[in-house]
Structures are given as C-alpha cells and as structure tokens.
C-alpha cells in the first residue's frame, strides 16, 4: 500500500484541526468565536483535491468534530457512540466529495456557505429522521451576529458562520497574491456580516408576562444503566421539591407561579392508570394552586405509550397533553426490532413508543405552552410548528440523567445552547426543565436568567414576557434553508459546464485550444 503523499497528510491534518476547532466552539468548551475556523480549514483540506481525497478529508473532519461532541453517548456504551459518530462522519464524507468543484468556481465563498446549509439539511433528515446535533448555529448564542437566526432561522446563522470562514480563506489568499483591494473588500463584507444583526430591534419586554417556575427534582447518579431506566423515585423527588417551592411562596420569598414545569419522565407511568402517581400529582397542584406541566408515559393503543407532557389545572386535574413527535431511534423505538431488539442495552426498551401528532399549545390561562420534548429542540419544524400554533412560551422538557451519569461531557450544556438559539429565533422566553440538570430559564434575547447545575435538586422562579407576534424567521419557515442551500446546485451545474468546455477545448487543434483556453482567476 502506497504511503500518503505530503499533500495528503497536510489535507488530513487540516481536516482534523478544523473538526477539533469546530468542536471547541460548542459547550462544554464554548469558544464560539472558533466556529468559522472549522469551515475554513475544511476548505483548505479539500481545495484542489479529487473527490476521493475530499471524501477522506470530510470523513476525518466529521470524526474529529463529532466524536468529542457526542462522547456523552458513551454513557450508554461504546457501540452507540462509535456507531453514531461513524454514520455522521460518513455523511460528512459523502457530501464533501463535490466540495472541491465548488471551491474552483469564481465567487466560491457563496457556494461553500451554501454547501454547509445543504449538509445540515441532509444531516437533519437522514438516516432515521436525521441528527441535527452540532449544527453551526447551535454554538453561536453568544456571537454578536446570532441575530441572523431571527431573520432566517438556523440555516441563516449557519450560512453566516460558514461564509465568515470562507471569506477568511478568500481574503488571506487575496492578500498573499497581492490583491490588497480584494482583501479589503472581503474584510468590509465580513464586518457587515457580523454587525448587520446588531441593528435588529431588541425583543419587547412590555405587554403580558407570567411567573414561571421550573422544578428539578434530581435523581441518584450512581446507578447502573438498568437501574437508571427503571428508577421509581423520580416523581417523589419532584413532588418534594414542589412542596419546597410552595413553602417559599408562603414565606413570601418568591411570587406564586402562573405555571409550574416538571421535566420529561418526571413520572415513570401514567397518572391516569396509576392511582398513587395520580394522587401525588394532584397533591402537588393543590400545594401551589397553580397549573402544573408534568412529564409522563401515557398509555397508548396497542400496548404502546406516549412520551408526553400533561398539563394539570387546579380543581380540574389533567386538562390537555402533548406527545413527543420526534422519537429517538434506539432510545424510544427500535428499528428492525425483531433483529436488534435483543441486543445489549436495547433489551431495556421493551416496547416502541408512539409518536404524537398534535402541535397545539397547552392552555394554562394566559400562558400558552409550546412543549418541545428533549432533542426535539434541535429540529426546526418541531419548534416552528408549535410557535405558529400560538405558543407564547416555549418549554423544553428533558431527561439528561442517562447521558450525564458517568462521563459528563456537555450534553446538558449543548441542549441549553440550543434553547438559547430558539429563544433568539422566535423572540420567546424558553424554560428548560431537566430531571437532573441543566435546568434554566432563558429570556427572549437568549440570555440565561437563572439556571440549576447538574445532579442537584432545586427550583427556579422568574417572570418572563409572553410574546405573541410573528418574526421574519417564523414567517419564512423552511424557505431560508431552500434558498440558502440552492446555490450548491447552481455551483455544481456551473462546474459541470466548465468541465465539459475544458474537455471540448482539449479535443480542438492546438492553436485553437491555445486561443480559446480560459484564463483562470487566481482567486477561483
């Protein structure tokens, strides 16, 4: 087997460095300003290379980025972590194959930024519903240009980050080659890209508001995976912490909440079928005389269940509920169960959950809750649907205990970062309720108003605005993703046309070919 050439090794090194720097822009490291360097180094890794070399560089980039980003999945075992990393790296590798063609075109920074939007569109849909975790936008809540997400959603912010990385390479290349005016123009373009969102009006804080309480009951950390899946005391922990909240209200330490939020899986069964759980929830509602959103496993037809948020109202009991629509493969259902259901930890998933269909918010007086359960926060359409249906407050119910029980590698912090981006995107407060942390309340500007760390019990109480207007991102829907990703197809068509012209010129007489040979721009 031939040894890799020096150029190949440099390509691999650039791809690896780019993936690692992009990882460092996300929590738990959180150096958001490093994000544009990821796309920049991937460009350097594949520029001038053939499709096969780009495949290798894309795969290396994907592994270097995603392996540390989702290492928390190793709490379920090495196989899930390595398998998901390998699948996602393969997506990076395959989609990277046409990237050198795009970089060879005049004005290529536009095409490479569009390529990132297209890549994330693919990753967010395939296989098995996709895995959008690690989108460029999701690590940029503290960036000065994060406001792009309010204009065109996650695709617009990802495009901006990738465009900055592309302009960095383009500008440095121009400077190296003596094109000072081009380099200066690139710098001005980058400044405009960064500063334009700063002109957006701040989210309104006047108008209706509500006092929101988030209860984090906590669970025992030092347990086996099987014990984690079958724990029975989660509901009692949340009831106990809710009583502590009620005592604080009676002492006048905090205002009475208009809505109280428990996390996903705060109950391990259906309170309508289990009298003990039903009585526990009813007592908690009476303690505060406030609406309470619980997380429960509601029984469904065919001996299946819904992973649901259920709203209980004082004096009424359960009033409405939302069932999780984006189920986790190999977590909430097992594809090809007859073949794979008996393998390792998959035996702890005895039945497949049933996905919900409703997008309607849950009405709790003036509060209209848009419930988003766990990693649904990563899916644009899941969040957008509930906002369009009239939600004026977003809540993320989540259970991160399994992913933090051993290696704590930032899964909860990454989810909080996504919640912050959604707050900016829709101009709505977001309450993140977790069994074991991180729980938080986020303002419409994406800033964390208060939070609870991992592996502790507690509660948060904050007054937040209740927004009802539609912003541009919500109004445009999926169109920013379509329009910002479309230049990839244009670029590939132009590249194919250019290749055909080059092949035709090579077949003409030498004098004609020499006369017709196009001049290649040094910046192309």
Protein backbone atom coordinates (compact mmCIF):
# COMPACT_ATOMS: atom_id res chain seq x y z
CA UNK A 1 0.00 0.00 0.00
CA UNK A 2 1.45 3.35 -1.04
CA UNK A 3 2.29 5.83 1.67
CA UNK A 4 0.19 9.03 1.69
CA UNK A 5 1.88 11.96 0.00
CA UNK A 6 2.88 15.08 1.88
CA UNK A 7 -0.08 16.93 0.33
CA UNK A 8 -2.45 14.22 1.50
CA UNK A 9 -1.08 14.35 5.03
CA UNK A 10 -1.46 18.13 5.07
CA UNK A 11 -5.06 17.71 3.92
CA UNK A 12 -5.80 15.23 6.67
CA UNK A 13 -4.13 17.41 9.30
CA UNK A 14 -6.17 20.46 8.22
CA UNK A 15 -9.40 18.45 8.28
CA UNK A 16 -8.65 17.08 11.75
CA UNK A 17 -7.73 20.51 13.11
CA UNK A 18 -10.88 22.01 11.60
CA UNK A 19 -13.10 19.40 13.22
CA UNK A 20 -11.48 19.86 16.62
CA UNK A 21 -11.72 23.66 16.47
CA UNK A 22 -15.37 23.44 15.49
CA UNK A 23 -15.99 21.10 18.43
CA UNK A 24 -14.33 23.64 20.76
CA UNK A 25 -16.84 26.29 19.66
CA UNK A 26 -19.62 24.27 21.32
CA UNK A 27 -20.20 23.59 25.01
CA UNK A 28 -18.63 22.39 27.20
CA UNK A 29 -15.64 24.38 25.84
CA UNK A 30 -17.86 27.10 24.40
CA UNK A 31 -15.34 29.20 22.47
CA UNK A 32 -17.96 30.27 19.93
CA UNK A 33 -15.52 32.51 18.01
CA UNK A 34 -13.64 29.43 16.78
CA UNK A 35 -16.61 28.20 14.73
CA UNK A 36 -15.67 29.89 11.40
CA UNK A 37 -12.26 28.21 11.54
CA UNK A 38 -13.91 24.80 11.11
CA UNK A 39 -15.29 25.55 7.62
CA UNK A 40 -12.10 27.47 6.77
CA UNK A 41 -9.82 24.53 7.49
CA UNK A 42 -12.10 22.06 5.72
CA UNK A 43 -11.86 24.29 2.64
CA UNK A 44 -8.07 24.21 2.85
CA UNK A 45 -8.19 20.44 3.32
CA UNK A 46 -10.17 19.75 0.13
CA UNK A 47 -9.16 22.63 -2.13
CA UNK A 48 -7.57 21.33 -5.30
CA UNK A 49 -8.14 17.70 -4.30
CA UNK A 50 -10.05 14.99 -6.15
CA UNK A 51 -13.41 13.67 -4.99
CA UNK A 52 -11.85 10.61 -3.37
CA UNK A 53 -9.45 12.77 -1.36
CA UNK A 54 -12.31 15.07 -0.38
CA UNK A 55 -14.23 12.02 0.84
CA UNK A 56 -11.35 11.13 3.16
CA UNK A 57 -10.91 14.69 4.40
CA UNK A 58 -14.65 15.06 5.02
CA UNK A 59 -14.72 11.83 6.99
CA UNK A 60 -11.73 12.86 9.12
CA UNK A 61 -13.33 16.25 9.76
CA UNK A 62 -16.60 14.57 10.79
CA UNK A 63 -14.88 12.21 13.21
CA UNK A 64 -12.71 14.94 14.76
CA UNK A 65 -15.78 17.13 15.24
CA UNK A 66 -18.46 14.69 16.32
CA UNK A 67 -16.55 12.10 18.33
CA UNK A 68 -15.77 14.57 21.16
CA UNK A 69 -19.03 16.49 20.71
CA UNK A 70 -21.23 13.46 21.45
CA UNK A 71 -18.86 11.48 23.66
CA UNK A 72 -21.55 11.71 26.34
CA UNK A 73 -23.32 8.98 24.36
CA UNK A 74 -20.64 6.59 25.64
CA UNK A 75 -22.63 6.55 28.90
CA UNK A 76 -24.91 4.14 27.04
CA UNK A 77 -21.91 2.13 25.82
CA UNK A 78 -19.09 2.46 23.32
CA UNK A 79 -21.10 0.92 20.48
CA UNK A 80 -23.81 3.66 20.35
CA UNK A 81 -21.18 6.42 20.50
CA UNK A 82 -18.92 4.91 17.85
CA UNK A 83 -21.80 3.88 15.60
CA UNK A 84 -23.44 7.32 15.54
CA UNK A 85 -20.08 9.02 15.04
CA UNK A 86 -19.31 6.71 12.13
CA UNK A 87 -22.69 7.26 10.45
CA UNK A 88 -22.47 11.03 10.77
CA UNK A 89 -18.84 11.07 9.60
CA UNK A 90 -19.92 9.09 6.54
CA UNK A 91 -22.50 11.79 5.77
CA UNK A 92 -19.75 14.42 6.02
CA UNK A 93 -17.51 12.35 3.75
CA UNK A 94 -20.12 11.76 1.05
CA UNK A 95 -21.33 15.35 0.97
CA UNK A 96 -17.72 16.62 0.85
CA UNK A 97 -16.98 14.87 -2.43
CA UNK A 98 -18.26 17.70 -4.71
CA UNK A 99 -16.82 20.44 -2.47
CA UNK A 100 -13.53 20.84 -4.45
CA UNK A 101 -15.57 21.59 -7.58
CA UNK A 102 -17.39 24.39 -5.78
CA UNK A 103 -14.15 25.88 -4.46
CA UNK A 104 -12.79 26.01 -8.01
CA UNK A 105 -15.55 28.42 -9.11
CA UNK A 106 -15.27 32.24 -9.11
CA UNK A 107 -17.00 33.62 -6.04
CA UNK A 108 -16.70 30.29 -4.31
CA UNK A 109 -17.32 31.55 -0.71
CA UNK A 110 -21.01 31.84 -1.61
CA UNK A 111 -21.10 28.22 -2.77
CA UNK A 112 -19.21 26.83 0.22
CA UNK A 113 -21.50 28.62 2.68
CA UNK A 114 -24.49 27.20 0.80
CA UNK A 115 -22.81 23.79 0.95
CA UNK A 116 -22.93 23.93 4.77
CA UNK A 117 -26.65 24.69 4.70
CA UNK A 118 -27.18 21.75 2.36
CA UNK A 119 -25.02 19.48 4.53
CA UNK A 120 -27.01 20.35 7.63
CA UNK A 121 -30.27 19.84 5.75
CA UNK A 122 -29.13 16.31 4.92
CA UNK A 123 -27.83 15.57 8.42
CA UNK A 124 -31.11 16.79 9.91
CA UNK A 125 -33.19 14.32 7.90
CA UNK A 126 -31.28 11.11 7.17
CA UNK A 127 -30.87 8.44 8.28
CA UNK A 128 -33.80 7.58 10.57
CA UNK A 129 -35.05 11.14 10.84
CA UNK A 130 -31.59 12.69 10.99
CA UNK A 131 -29.38 14.03 13.76
CA UNK A 132 -29.10 17.86 13.67
CA UNK A 133 -26.95 17.97 16.81
CA UNK A 134 -23.85 20.06 16.09
CA UNK A 135 -25.30 22.48 13.54
CA UNK A 136 -23.08 25.54 13.21
CA UNK A 137 -25.88 27.77 14.51
CA UNK A 138 -26.29 25.88 17.77
CA UNK A 139 -22.97 27.04 19.23
CA UNK A 140 -23.44 30.74 18.46
CA UNK A 141 -25.83 32.07 21.12
CA UNK A 142 -23.12 34.44 22.43
CA UNK A 143 -21.95 35.60 18.99
CA UNK A 144 -22.70 39.24 18.07
CA UNK A 145 -24.24 38.02 14.83
CA UNK A 146 -26.57 35.48 16.47
CA UNK A 147 -29.47 37.69 15.40
CA UNK A 148 -29.31 36.16 11.91
CA UNK A 149 -31.34 33.32 13.40
CA UNK A 150 -34.27 35.72 13.93
CA UNK A 151 -34.13 36.60 10.23
CA UNK A 152 -33.73 33.22 8.59
CA UNK A 153 -33.62 30.63 11.36
CA UNK A 154 -30.80 28.18 11.94
CA UNK A 155 -29.95 27.97 8.21
CA UNK A 156 -29.26 31.72 8.05
CA UNK A 157 -26.99 31.66 11.09
CA UNK A 158 -25.14 28.56 9.87
CA UNK A 159 -24.72 30.23 6.48
CA UNK A 160 -23.26 33.32 8.18
CA UNK A 161 -20.73 31.27 10.16
CA UNK A 162 -19.66 29.25 7.13
CA UNK A 163 -19.49 32.40 4.99
CA UNK A 164 -17.19 34.03 7.54
CA UNK A 165 -14.87 31.02 7.41
CA UNK A 166 -14.91 31.05 3.61
CA UNK A 167 -14.21 34.79 3.48
CA UNK A 168 -11.27 34.27 5.83
CA UNK A 169 -9.61 31.88 3.37
CA UNK A 170 -10.60 34.03 0.38
CA UNK A 171 -9.25 37.23 1.94
CA UNK A 172 -5.96 35.70 3.05
CA UNK A 173 -5.46 34.19 -0.40
CA UNK A 174 -6.08 37.59 -1.99
CA UNK A 175 -3.60 39.25 0.38
CA UNK A 176 -0.96 36.62 -0.30
CA UNK A 177 -1.36 37.07 -4.04
CA UNK A 178 -1.10 40.86 -3.83
CA UNK A 179 -4.78 41.66 -4.34
CA UNK A 180 -4.99 44.16 -1.49
CA UNK A 181 -8.21 45.79 -2.70
CA UNK A 182 -9.98 42.43 -2.89
CA UNK A 183 -8.77 41.58 0.60
CA UNK A 184 -10.02 44.92 1.92
CA UNK A 185 -13.42 44.37 0.31
CA UNK A 186 -13.61 40.94 1.92
CA UNK A 187 -12.89 42.49 5.32
CA UNK A 188 -15.69 45.01 4.85
CA UNK A 189 -18.05 42.20 3.85
CA UNK A 190 -17.14 40.25 6.99
CA UNK A 191 -17.74 43.33 9.16
CA UNK A 192 -21.15 43.81 7.56
CA UNK A 193 -22.00 40.16 8.13
CA UNK A 194 -21.14 40.46 11.81
CA UNK A 195 -22.75 43.83 12.52
CA UNK A 196 -25.98 43.72 10.49
CA UNK A 197 -27.95 41.69 13.08
CA UNK A 198 -27.00 44.26 15.74
CA UNK A 199 -29.41 46.67 14.05
CA UNK A 200 -32.36 44.41 14.78
CA UNK A 201 -34.76 45.69 17.46
CA UNK A 202 -34.45 44.01 20.83
CA UNK A 203 -37.27 41.64 21.82
CA UNK A 204 -40.08 43.50 23.54
CA UNK A 205 -40.42 43.18 27.31
CA UNK A 206 -43.63 45.18 27.69
CA UNK A 207 -47.03 43.59 27.46
CA UNK A 208 -48.28 40.44 29.17
CA UNK A 209 -45.94 38.38 31.33
CA UNK A 210 -46.09 35.38 33.63
CA UNK A 211 -44.21 33.94 36.57
CA UNK A 212 -42.66 30.63 35.55
CA UNK A 213 -41.32 28.01 37.96
CA UNK A 214 -39.08 25.14 36.91
CA UNK A 215 -38.70 22.20 39.30
CA UNK A 216 -35.64 19.96 39.13
CA UNK A 217 -36.20 17.01 41.42
CA UNK A 218 -32.89 15.25 40.68
CA UNK A 219 -32.19 11.52 40.68
CA UNK A 220 -29.49 9.33 42.10
CA UNK A 221 -26.40 9.49 39.87
CA UNK A 222 -24.51 6.35 40.87
CA UNK A 223 -26.66 3.66 39.31
CA UNK A 224 -26.32 1.07 36.62
CA UNK A 225 -27.94 1.74 33.27
CA UNK A 226 -30.67 -0.77 34.10
CA UNK A 227 -31.38 0.95 37.42
CA UNK A 228 -31.45 4.31 35.61
CA UNK A 229 -34.10 3.01 33.22
CA UNK A 230 -36.28 1.59 35.99
CA UNK A 231 -35.94 4.21 38.70
CA UNK A 232 -39.14 4.66 40.72
CA UNK A 233 -38.46 7.67 42.96
CA UNK A 234 -38.28 10.45 40.36
CA UNK A 235 -41.88 11.55 40.92
CA UNK A 236 -41.41 11.68 44.69
CA UNK A 237 -38.30 13.84 44.26
CA UNK A 238 -40.20 16.34 42.13
CA UNK A 239 -43.17 16.38 44.49
CA UNK A 240 -40.83 17.05 47.40
CA UNK A 241 -39.12 19.93 45.58
CA UNK A 242 -42.52 21.33 44.57
CA UNK A 243 -43.52 21.39 48.24
CA UNK A 244 -40.31 23.29 48.98
CA UNK A 245 -41.32 25.78 46.30
CA UNK A 246 -44.80 26.12 47.84
CA UNK A 247 -43.24 26.77 51.25
CA UNK A 248 -41.08 29.51 49.70
CA UNK A 249 -44.19 31.09 48.17
CA UNK A 250 -45.98 31.04 51.54
CA UNK A 251 -42.97 32.70 53.18
CA UNK A 252 -43.08 35.43 50.56
CA UNK A 253 -39.62 34.59 49.20
CA UNK A 254 -40.84 34.10 45.63
CA UNK A 255 -44.10 35.06 43.87
CA UNK A 256 -46.76 32.45 43.22
CA UNK A 257 -46.05 30.96 39.78
CA UNK A 258 -48.56 31.14 36.95
CA UNK A 259 -47.20 27.84 35.64
CA UNK A 260 -45.01 25.13 37.19
CA UNK A 261 -42.91 22.88 34.98
CA UNK A 262 -41.66 19.38 35.67
CA UNK A 263 -39.27 17.66 33.24
CA UNK A 264 -39.58 14.76 30.84
CA UNK A 265 -40.02 11.42 32.61
CA UNK A 266 -40.72 13.10 35.94
CA UNK A 267 -43.28 10.28 36.24
CA UNK A 268 -42.40 6.76 35.16
CA UNK A 269 -46.01 5.84 34.35
CA UNK A 270 -49.47 7.11 33.53
CA UNK A 271 -51.08 9.02 36.43
CA UNK A 272 -54.49 8.22 34.94
CA UNK A 273 -53.79 4.49 35.30
CA UNK A 274 -51.71 4.59 38.47
CA UNK A 275 -53.69 5.98 41.46
CA UNK A 276 -50.54 6.55 43.51
CA UNK A 277 -48.96 8.72 40.80
CA UNK A 278 -52.26 10.50 40.17
CA UNK A 279 -52.64 11.35 43.85
CA UNK A 280 -49.04 12.59 44.03
CA UNK A 281 -49.55 14.98 41.09
CA UNK A 282 -52.91 16.21 42.40
CA UNK A 283 -51.33 16.97 45.79
CA UNK A 284 -48.56 18.95 44.09
CA UNK A 285 -51.13 21.03 42.17
CA UNK A 286 -53.00 21.77 45.42
CA UNK A 287 -49.77 22.75 47.19
CA UNK A 288 -49.30 25.71 44.86
CA UNK A 289 -52.80 26.18 43.44
CA UNK A 290 -51.08 26.64 40.06
CA UNK A 291 -51.17 24.80 36.73
CA UNK A 292 -48.55 22.05 36.58
CA UNK A 293 -46.97 20.51 33.49
CA UNK A 294 -45.66 17.01 34.20
CA UNK A 295 -43.69 14.57 32.07
CA UNK A 296 -45.33 11.15 31.93
CA UNK A 297 -45.58 7.92 29.96
CA UNK A 298 -49.22 7.91 28.90
CA UNK A 299 -50.71 4.63 27.78
CA UNK A 300 -51.46 4.36 24.04
CA UNK A 301 -53.33 1.82 21.88
CA UNK A 302 -51.66 -1.45 21.07
CA UNK A 303 -49.81 -1.75 24.39
CA UNK A 304 -47.66 1.21 23.45
CA UNK A 305 -47.13 4.55 25.19
CA UNK A 306 -46.65 8.25 24.53
CA UNK A 307 -43.74 10.23 25.91
CA UNK A 308 -45.88 13.19 26.87
CA UNK A 309 -46.18 16.45 28.69
CA UNK A 310 -49.51 16.57 30.53
CA UNK A 311 -51.00 19.80 31.89
CA UNK A 312 -52.90 19.62 35.19
CA UNK A 313 -55.10 22.54 36.27
CA UNK A 314 -56.22 23.33 39.86
CA UNK A 315 -59.64 21.90 40.57
CA UNK A 316 -59.77 20.11 37.19
CA UNK A 317 -56.96 17.60 37.05
CA UNK A 318 -55.44 16.63 33.67
CA UNK A 319 -56.68 19.09 31.02
CA UNK A 320 -54.51 18.64 27.92
CA UNK A 321 -51.36 16.93 26.78
CA UNK A 322 -48.65 16.94 24.12
CA UNK A 323 -46.95 13.76 22.89
CA UNK A 324 -43.38 13.84 21.61
CA UNK A 325 -43.36 13.68 17.80
CA UNK A 326 -39.64 13.22 17.07
CA UNK A 327 -38.81 9.91 18.73
CA UNK A 328 -35.23 8.80 19.32
CA UNK A 329 -34.26 5.70 17.31
CA UNK A 330 -32.75 3.00 19.54
CA UNK A 331 -33.91 5.05 22.54
CA UNK A 332 -37.69 5.33 22.23
CA UNK A 333 -38.19 2.83 19.46
CA UNK A 334 -36.03 0.16 17.86
CA UNK A 335 -35.84 -0.02 14.06
CA UNK A 336 -35.98 -3.65 12.94
CA UNK A 337 -36.88 -4.70 16.48
CA UNK A 338 -37.18 -8.38 15.53
CA UNK A 339 -33.49 -8.38 14.57
CA UNK A 340 -31.98 -5.90 17.00
CA UNK A 341 -34.30 -5.79 19.99
CA UNK A 342 -32.42 -8.42 21.98
CA UNK A 343 -29.01 -6.81 21.70
CA UNK A 344 -27.22 -5.45 24.79
CA UNK A 345 -28.88 -2.41 26.39
CA UNK A 346 -31.66 -2.44 23.78
CA UNK A 347 -33.30 -5.07 25.95
CA UNK A 348 -34.12 -2.21 28.35
CA UNK A 349 -36.56 -0.83 25.74
CA UNK A 350 -39.38 -3.40 25.95
CA UNK A 351 -41.80 -1.55 23.66
CA UNK A 352 -41.79 1.13 20.99
CA UNK A 353 -43.31 4.47 21.86
CA UNK A 354 -45.95 6.02 19.65
CA UNK A 355 -45.22 9.46 18.13
CA UNK A 356 -47.72 12.25 18.72
CA UNK A 357 -49.34 14.36 16.02
CA UNK A 358 -50.70 17.49 17.71
CA UNK A 359 -48.86 20.83 17.55
CA UNK A 360 -51.43 22.78 19.60
CA UNK A 361 -50.07 24.69 22.61
CA UNK A 362 -51.26 23.78 26.09
CA UNK A 363 -53.51 26.46 27.58
CA UNK A 364 -52.83 27.48 31.17
CA UNK A 365 -54.70 30.76 31.50
CA UNK A 366 -52.79 33.48 29.67
CA UNK A 367 -49.84 31.12 29.26
CA UNK A 368 -49.93 29.10 26.04
CA UNK A 369 -47.20 26.50 26.39
CA UNK A 370 -45.34 25.27 23.34
CA UNK A 371 -43.97 21.97 24.60
CA UNK A 372 -40.79 20.60 23.00
CA UNK A 373 -39.56 17.34 24.48
CA UNK A 374 -35.83 16.63 24.76
CA UNK A 375 -33.96 16.59 21.45
CA UNK A 376 -36.97 17.93 19.54
CA UNK A 377 -35.34 21.30 20.30
CA UNK A 378 -32.81 20.50 17.54
CA UNK A 379 -35.47 20.18 14.83
CA UNK A 380 -36.60 23.41 13.17
CA UNK A 381 -40.06 22.23 12.17
CA UNK A 382 -40.89 20.79 15.58
CA UNK A 383 -40.29 24.13 17.29
CA UNK A 384 -41.71 26.26 14.48
CA UNK A 385 -44.98 24.28 14.37
CA UNK A 386 -45.84 24.96 17.99
CA UNK A 387 -44.92 28.67 17.73
CA UNK A 388 -47.10 29.04 14.65
CA UNK A 389 -49.93 27.33 16.52
CA UNK A 390 -49.92 30.18 19.03
CA UNK A 391 -47.43 29.34 21.80
CA UNK A 392 -46.28 32.40 23.76
CA UNK A 393 -43.86 30.48 25.97
CA UNK A 394 -41.61 27.60 24.96
CA UNK A 395 -40.76 24.82 27.39
CA UNK A 396 -38.20 22.08 26.84
CA UNK A 397 -38.91 19.03 28.98
CA UNK A 398 -35.86 16.80 29.10
CA UNK A 399 -34.28 13.91 30.96
CA UNK A 400 -30.49 14.02 30.66
CA UNK A 401 -29.62 11.76 33.57
CA UNK A 402 -28.63 8.82 31.38
CA UNK A 403 -26.22 10.94 29.32
CA UNK A 404 -24.54 12.53 32.34
CA UNK A 405 -24.38 9.63 34.79
CA UNK A 406 -20.73 8.76 34.07
CA UNK A 407 -18.81 10.92 31.62
CA UNK A 408 -20.08 14.48 31.93
CA UNK A 409 -19.18 15.88 28.52
CA UNK A 410 -21.58 18.75 28.00
CA UNK A 411 -24.79 17.14 26.72
CA UNK A 412 -26.93 19.28 29.01
CA UNK A 413 -24.98 22.43 28.20
CA UNK A 414 -25.33 21.74 24.47
CA UNK A 415 -29.08 21.41 24.89
CA UNK A 416 -29.20 24.70 26.79
CA UNK A 417 -27.25 26.35 23.95
CA UNK A 418 -29.92 25.17 21.50
CA UNK A 419 -32.68 26.52 23.76
CA UNK A 420 -30.94 29.91 23.78
CA UNK A 421 -30.82 29.94 19.98
CA UNK A 422 -34.54 29.11 19.81
CA UNK A 423 -35.29 31.99 22.18
CA UNK A 424 -33.50 34.43 19.85
CA UNK A 425 -35.05 32.84 16.77
CA UNK A 426 -38.65 33.29 17.91
CA UNK A 427 -38.33 36.15 20.40
CA UNK A 428 -39.86 34.00 23.12
CA UNK A 429 -38.74 33.00 26.57
CA UNK A 430 -37.73 29.36 26.92
CA UNK A 431 -37.93 27.31 30.11
CA UNK A 432 -35.71 24.22 30.18
CA UNK A 433 -36.84 21.64 32.75
CA UNK A 434 -34.49 18.72 33.38
CA UNK A 435 -34.68 15.86 35.86
CA UNK A 436 -31.04 16.18 36.92
CA UNK A 437 -29.85 19.38 35.22
CA UNK A 438 -29.12 21.60 33.50
CA UNK A 439 -32.44 23.41 34.06
CA UNK A 440 -32.73 27.07 33.09
CA UNK A 441 -34.98 29.96 32.21
CA UNK A 442 -33.90 31.88 29.12
CA UNK A 443 -35.11 35.35 28.12
CA UNK A 444 -36.28 36.22 24.59
CA UNK A 445 -32.82 37.68 23.90
CA UNK A 446 -31.18 34.31 24.51
CA UNK A 447 -29.63 35.30 27.84
CA UNK A 448 -29.90 32.87 30.74
CA UNK A 449 -31.96 34.46 33.50
CA UNK A 450 -31.30 31.68 36.01
CA UNK A 451 -30.12 28.09 35.98
CA UNK A 452 -29.52 24.97 38.07
CA UNK A 453 -26.45 22.78 37.63
CA UNK A 454 -26.38 19.01 37.29
CA UNK A 455 -27.03 16.40 39.98
CA UNK A 456 -28.84 18.60 42.45
CA UNK A 457 -32.44 19.38 43.32
CA UNK A 458 -33.90 22.84 43.28
CA UNK A 459 -36.31 25.22 41.63
CA UNK A 460 -36.20 28.39 39.55
CA UNK A 461 -38.76 31.20 39.57
CA UNK A 462 -38.67 34.07 37.07
CA UNK A 463 -41.11 36.50 35.48
CA UNK A 464 -40.90 36.27 31.69
CA UNK A 465 -42.66 38.09 28.83
CA UNK A 466 -45.31 36.27 26.84
CA UNK A 467 -44.70 37.06 23.17
CA UNK A 468 -47.38 36.59 20.55
CA UNK A 469 -46.06 38.24 17.36
CA UNK A 470 -44.57 36.53 14.34
CA UNK A 471 -40.98 37.40 13.39
CA UNK A 472 -39.38 37.03 9.97
CA UNK A 473 -37.84 33.63 10.68
CA UNK A 474 -41.18 32.18 11.69
CA UNK A 475 -42.95 33.73 8.71
CA UNK A 476 -40.39 32.45 6.17
CA UNK A 477 -40.47 28.90 7.54
CA UNK A 478 -38.37 26.47 5.52
CA UNK A 479 -37.62 28.93 2.70
CA UNK A 480 -34.28 30.22 4.08
CA UNK A 481 -32.96 26.66 4.07
CA UNK A 482 -34.15 26.16 0.48
CA UNK A 483 -32.86 29.49 -0.84
CA UNK A 484 -29.54 29.45 1.01
CA UNK A 485 -28.83 25.85 0.04
CA UNK A 486 -29.86 26.26 -3.61
CA UNK A 487 -26.54 27.84 -4.75
CA UNK A 488 -24.95 24.41 -4.30
CA UNK A 489 -27.00 23.08 -7.22
CA UNK A 490 -26.16 26.17 -9.28
CA UNK A 491 -22.48 25.77 -8.49
CA UNK A 492 -22.42 22.11 -9.40
CA UNK A 493 -24.18 22.87 -12.69
CA UNK A 494 -21.62 25.58 -13.48
CA UNK A 495 -18.78 23.24 -12.57
CA UNK A 496 -20.13 20.52 -14.85
CA UNK A 497 -20.50 23.02 -17.67
CA UNK A 498 -16.94 24.22 -17.12
CA UNK A 499 -15.62 20.64 -17.19
CA UNK A 500 -17.38 19.97 -20.49
CA UNK A 501 -15.91 23.12 -22.02
CA UNK A 502 -12.44 22.14 -20.85
CA UNK A 503 -12.85 18.65 -22.32
CA UNK A 504 -14.09 20.09 -25.62
CA UNK A 505 -11.17 22.53 -25.78
CA UNK A 506 -8.72 19.71 -25.23
CA UNK A 507 -10.03 17.97 -28.36
CA UNK A 508 -9.60 21.01 -30.68
CA UNK A 509 -6.41 21.73 -32.69
CA UNK A 510 -3.55 23.03 -30.58
CA UNK A 511 -3.65 26.57 -31.96
CA UNK A 512 -7.40 26.88 -31.39
CA UNK A 513 -7.19 25.36 -27.96
CA UNK A 514 -4.43 27.76 -27.01
CA UNK A 515 -6.50 30.71 -28.29
CA UNK A 516 -9.69 29.61 -26.51
CA UNK A 517 -8.10 28.50 -23.24
CA UNK A 518 -9.85 30.44 -20.46
CA UNK A 519 -7.78 32.46 -18.04
CA UNK A 520 -8.10 31.08 -14.53
CA UNK A 521 -8.63 33.66 -11.82
CA UNK A 522 -6.04 33.22 -9.08
CA UNK A 523 -8.81 33.59 -6.51
CA UNK A 524 -11.01 30.89 -8.04
